[in-house]
Protein backbone atom coordinates (compact mmCIF):
# COMPACT_ATOMS: atom_id res chain seq x y z
CA UNK A 1 94.07 154.34 24.40
CA UNK A 2 97.67 155.38 25.91
CA UNK A 3 97.45 152.80 28.54
CA UNK A 4 96.25 149.92 26.03
CA UNK A 5 99.69 151.03 24.03
CA UNK A 6 101.77 150.72 27.15
CA UNK A 7 100.40 147.08 27.60
CA UNK A 8 100.58 146.15 24.23
CA UNK A 9 104.32 147.41 24.23
CA UNK A 10 105.00 145.43 27.30
CA UNK A 11 103.37 142.27 26.01
CA UNK A 12 105.51 142.54 22.94
CA UNK A 13 109.06 143.08 24.77
CA UNK A 14 108.33 140.76 27.39
CA UNK A 15 110.30 137.44 27.29
CA UNK A 16 107.00 135.33 28.18
CA UNK A 17 105.34 136.73 24.48
CA UNK A 18 108.06 135.05 22.74
CA UNK A 19 107.05 131.81 24.48
CA UNK A 20 105.87 128.63 22.80
CA UNK A 21 102.26 127.64 22.86
CA UNK A 22 102.85 125.06 25.69
CA UNK A 23 102.16 126.34 29.53
CA UNK A 24 105.37 127.04 31.49
CA UNK A 25 105.65 126.26 35.09
CA UNK A 26 107.62 128.35 37.59
CA UNK A 27 107.82 127.32 41.12
CA UNK A 28 104.39 125.43 40.93
CA UNK A 29 102.75 128.00 39.07
CA UNK A 30 101.24 127.56 35.80
CA UNK A 31 101.32 130.25 33.18
CA UNK A 32 99.96 130.22 29.79
CA UNK A 33 101.91 131.48 26.98
CA UNK A 34 100.74 134.62 25.65
CA UNK A 35 99.99 135.11 21.71
CA UNK A 36 100.41 138.67 20.76
CA UNK A 37 98.51 140.12 18.03
CA UNK A 38 98.53 143.69 16.55
CA UNK A 39 94.44 144.01 16.60
CA UNK A 40 94.12 143.61 20.26
CA UNK A 41 96.10 145.08 23.26
CA UNK A 42 95.78 141.99 25.20
CA UNK A 43 95.68 138.73 23.59
CA UNK A 44 96.47 135.16 25.31
CA UNK A 45 95.25 132.38 27.60
CA UNK A 46 93.85 133.14 31.16
CA UNK A 47 96.28 132.75 33.80
CA UNK A 48 95.38 130.17 36.51
CA UNK A 49 97.13 130.43 39.66
CA UNK A 50 96.89 127.25 41.76
CA UNK A 51 96.44 127.58 45.69
CA UNK A 52 99.84 128.34 47.59
CA UNK A 53 101.06 124.95 48.51
CA UNK A 54 102.91 127.24 51.34
CA UNK A 55 101.66 126.09 54.97
CA UNK A 56 99.63 128.69 56.73
CA UNK A 57 102.04 129.01 60.01
CA UNK A 58 104.81 129.99 57.36
CA UNK A 59 102.78 132.57 55.90
CA UNK A 60 102.22 133.86 59.59
CA UNK A 61 105.69 134.08 60.41
CA UNK A 62 106.16 135.99 57.24
CA UNK A 63 103.83 138.18 58.22
CA UNK A 64 104.96 138.89 61.63
CA UNK A 65 108.40 139.69 60.04
CA UNK A 66 106.79 142.41 57.92
CA UNK A 67 105.19 143.74 61.07
CA UNK A 68 108.37 143.96 63.09
CA UNK A 69 109.76 145.97 60.29
CA UNK A 70 107.32 148.82 61.57
CA UNK A 71 108.79 149.02 64.93
CA UNK A 72 109.80 152.34 66.39
CA UNK A 73 113.09 152.15 68.01
CA UNK A 74 112.21 152.30 72.04
CA UNK A 75 113.91 151.71 75.64
CA UNK A 76 111.86 149.93 78.25
CA UNK A 77 112.23 148.86 81.64
CA UNK A 78 108.62 147.08 81.92
CA UNK A 79 107.63 144.82 79.06
CA UNK A 80 105.13 146.89 76.98
CA UNK A 81 105.73 150.23 78.48
CA UNK A 82 107.90 152.54 76.60
CA UNK A 83 110.12 154.96 78.47
CA UNK A 84 109.53 158.58 77.34
CA UNK A 85 112.70 159.96 78.86
CA UNK A 86 115.54 160.11 76.89
CA UNK A 87 118.71 158.87 78.37
CA UNK A 88 122.55 160.16 78.73
CA UNK A 89 124.62 157.40 77.00
CA UNK A 90 128.30 156.71 77.75
CA UNK A 91 130.17 154.04 75.56
CA UNK A 92 133.61 152.40 76.49
CA UNK A 93 135.30 149.98 74.11
CA UNK A 94 138.06 147.98 74.54
CA UNK A 95 141.74 149.05 72.88
CA UNK A 96 141.42 145.88 70.46
CA UNK A 97 137.42 146.77 69.74
CA UNK A 98 136.33 143.17 70.51
CA UNK A 99 134.15 144.29 73.60
CA UNK A 100 132.53 147.43 75.31
CA UNK A 101 129.75 148.66 77.31
CA UNK A 102 127.10 151.14 77.39
CA UNK A 103 125.96 152.66 80.26
CA UNK A 104 122.60 154.60 80.22
CA UNK A 105 121.56 157.19 82.66
CA UNK A 106 117.90 158.23 82.99
CA UNK A 107 117.26 161.19 85.25
CA UNK A 108 113.68 160.92 86.61
CA UNK A 109 112.77 158.46 84.00
CA UNK A 110 108.45 157.66 83.59
CA UNK A 111 108.94 154.07 84.50
CA UNK A 112 108.35 155.69 88.25
CA UNK A 113 105.13 156.68 87.04
CA UNK A 114 103.60 153.62 85.69
CA UNK A 115 105.63 151.00 87.71
CA UNK A 116 102.81 151.30 90.70
CA UNK A 117 100.13 150.54 88.32
CA UNK A 118 101.89 148.17 85.64
CA UNK A 119 104.53 146.35 88.09
CA UNK A 120 108.13 146.43 88.85
CA UNK A 121 110.79 147.06 86.89
CA UNK A 122 111.98 143.66 84.82
CA UNK A 123 115.03 144.67 82.97
CA UNK A 124 116.55 146.93 80.31
CA UNK A 125 115.02 146.40 76.69
CA UNK A 126 116.26 147.97 73.37
CA UNK A 127 113.51 147.25 70.97
CA UNK A 128 114.14 147.83 67.14
CA UNK A 129 112.99 146.16 63.83
CA UNK A 130 116.13 143.82 64.51
CA UNK A 131 114.65 142.68 67.47
CA UNK A 132 115.38 143.15 71.36
CA UNK A 133 118.55 143.82 72.88
CA UNK A 134 118.56 143.22 77.02
CA UNK A 135 120.31 143.48 79.93
CA UNK A 136 119.69 142.89 83.80
CA UNK A 137 122.02 145.38 84.89
CA UNK A 138 119.43 147.96 86.11
CA UNK A 139 119.81 150.28 89.26
CA UNK A 140 117.54 152.90 90.64
CA UNK A 141 119.04 155.72 92.29
CA UNK A 142 116.99 157.61 95.47
CA UNK A 143 117.33 160.52 96.74
CA UNK A 144 115.36 161.12 100.26
CA UNK A 145 113.60 157.96 99.59
CA UNK A 146 111.90 159.05 96.01
CA UNK A 147 113.19 157.25 92.99
CA UNK A 148 115.46 160.15 91.09
CA UNK A 149 116.96 158.08 88.47
CA UNK A 150 117.87 154.84 86.68
CA UNK A 151 121.43 153.46 85.31
CA UNK A 152 121.41 150.60 83.27
CA UNK A 153 124.41 149.09 81.83
CA UNK A 154 124.78 146.98 78.36
CA UNK A 155 127.86 144.77 77.81
CA UNK A 156 128.77 143.66 74.22
CA UNK A 157 131.08 140.94 74.13
CA UNK A 158 131.95 140.67 70.74
CA UNK A 159 132.38 142.96 67.58
CA UNK A 160 129.05 141.52 66.13
CA UNK A 161 127.31 142.48 69.72
CA UNK A 162 128.84 146.06 69.26
CA UNK A 163 127.86 146.74 65.53
CA UNK A 164 124.19 145.38 66.55
CA UNK A 165 123.98 147.82 69.38
CA UNK A 166 125.60 150.79 67.28
CA UNK A 167 122.70 149.76 64.58
CA UNK A 168 119.89 150.08 67.48
CA UNK A 169 121.47 153.50 68.88
CA UNK A 170 121.56 154.91 65.22
CA UNK A 171 118.19 154.25 64.93
CA UNK A 172 116.97 155.54 68.26
CA UNK A 173 118.85 158.43 67.84
CA UNK A 174 117.34 159.54 64.78
CA UNK A 175 113.80 158.79 66.08
CA UNK A 176 114.74 161.08 69.04
CA UNK A 177 116.99 163.69 67.73
CA UNK A 178 119.88 162.61 69.36
CA UNK A 179 123.68 163.22 68.21
CA UNK A 180 126.97 161.38 69.06
CA UNK A 181 129.53 163.60 70.50
CA UNK A 182 133.02 162.26 71.08
CA UNK A 183 134.94 163.07 73.93
């Protein structure tokens, strides 16, 4: 009974409840006028929503944008294989703040465990909900003929690139328990 009273008060306070008897159209949807009465918790005409005229391809693009929002920030050297080793990151920025560079150093990265099975390192990919930042400036370090580490550089040429990189790093740091130390 309390739910019916809440619905009734919502109907009475709604701007739609004060409509005329003529149906209204909002963005292609027809909504009939609601007639309020004290004897019933809900009165009015049935609501008919015509099938959306939005193309199916556009609907799929909207769905893919929603799924990107759920991406955990990660780093990859081989697309589709997340790097499990947490890097040491050093940042440099020009005095005028227009450009900068990030140097990622991975000691014994997990990419060497899977590279023989999956393939070669194809680049440096930083992936988050906004998309992918990438670089091809990747160097492997070897000790006695065995892979020991990877160094990747990411160059930011504009303040916008810097801001985008910092948003990625904040998400990556939060997801991996990292902190920023200014030297």
